[in-house]
Amino acid sequence: EGAFESTEAKRIFLQNGVESGLRQLLDFGLFHGDPHPGNVLALPSGDIAYVDFGNVAEISRANQESLIDAVVHVMNRDYDNLAECLSDLGFLQPGSDVKPVAEGLQEVWGEGALAEIASAGNFSFRGLTR
């Protein structure tokens, strides 16, 4: 269990982490730019304690909507529209051809790659950028 008092506490922590991160972004329009173990504490019960808000920024409603769309496109494996969302979010130069980006996303994340990464015992969000 490590830092957690039970397997259930670990499950609660993972659920709280995903929910709090998504709610910050999608409900409140906030982005925590520095969520490392010194700023976000895992309590033995599975609760999360945020202790440093020095690198928090607000995102626009348009960007919130693009992020929601991006999550839906990832879930649906719709890499063409995901690439469009990346453009809308400013990750690509205006007017860029998104087709090569969509093809790259399909190559890296397609054919079960996300499921394989998520089911691995050592999952990390850093693994999604490999």
Foldseek 3Di string as FASTA:
>chain_A
DPQAPDPVLCVLLVVQVVVVQLCCCQVVQKDQPDDDCVQWPQHNSNDIDGHDRPRMDGHDNQLSVLVVVLVVCLVVVVLQVNLVSCVVNPVDDPPDDSVVVSVVCCVCSNDCNVVVLVPDPPHDPVVSVD
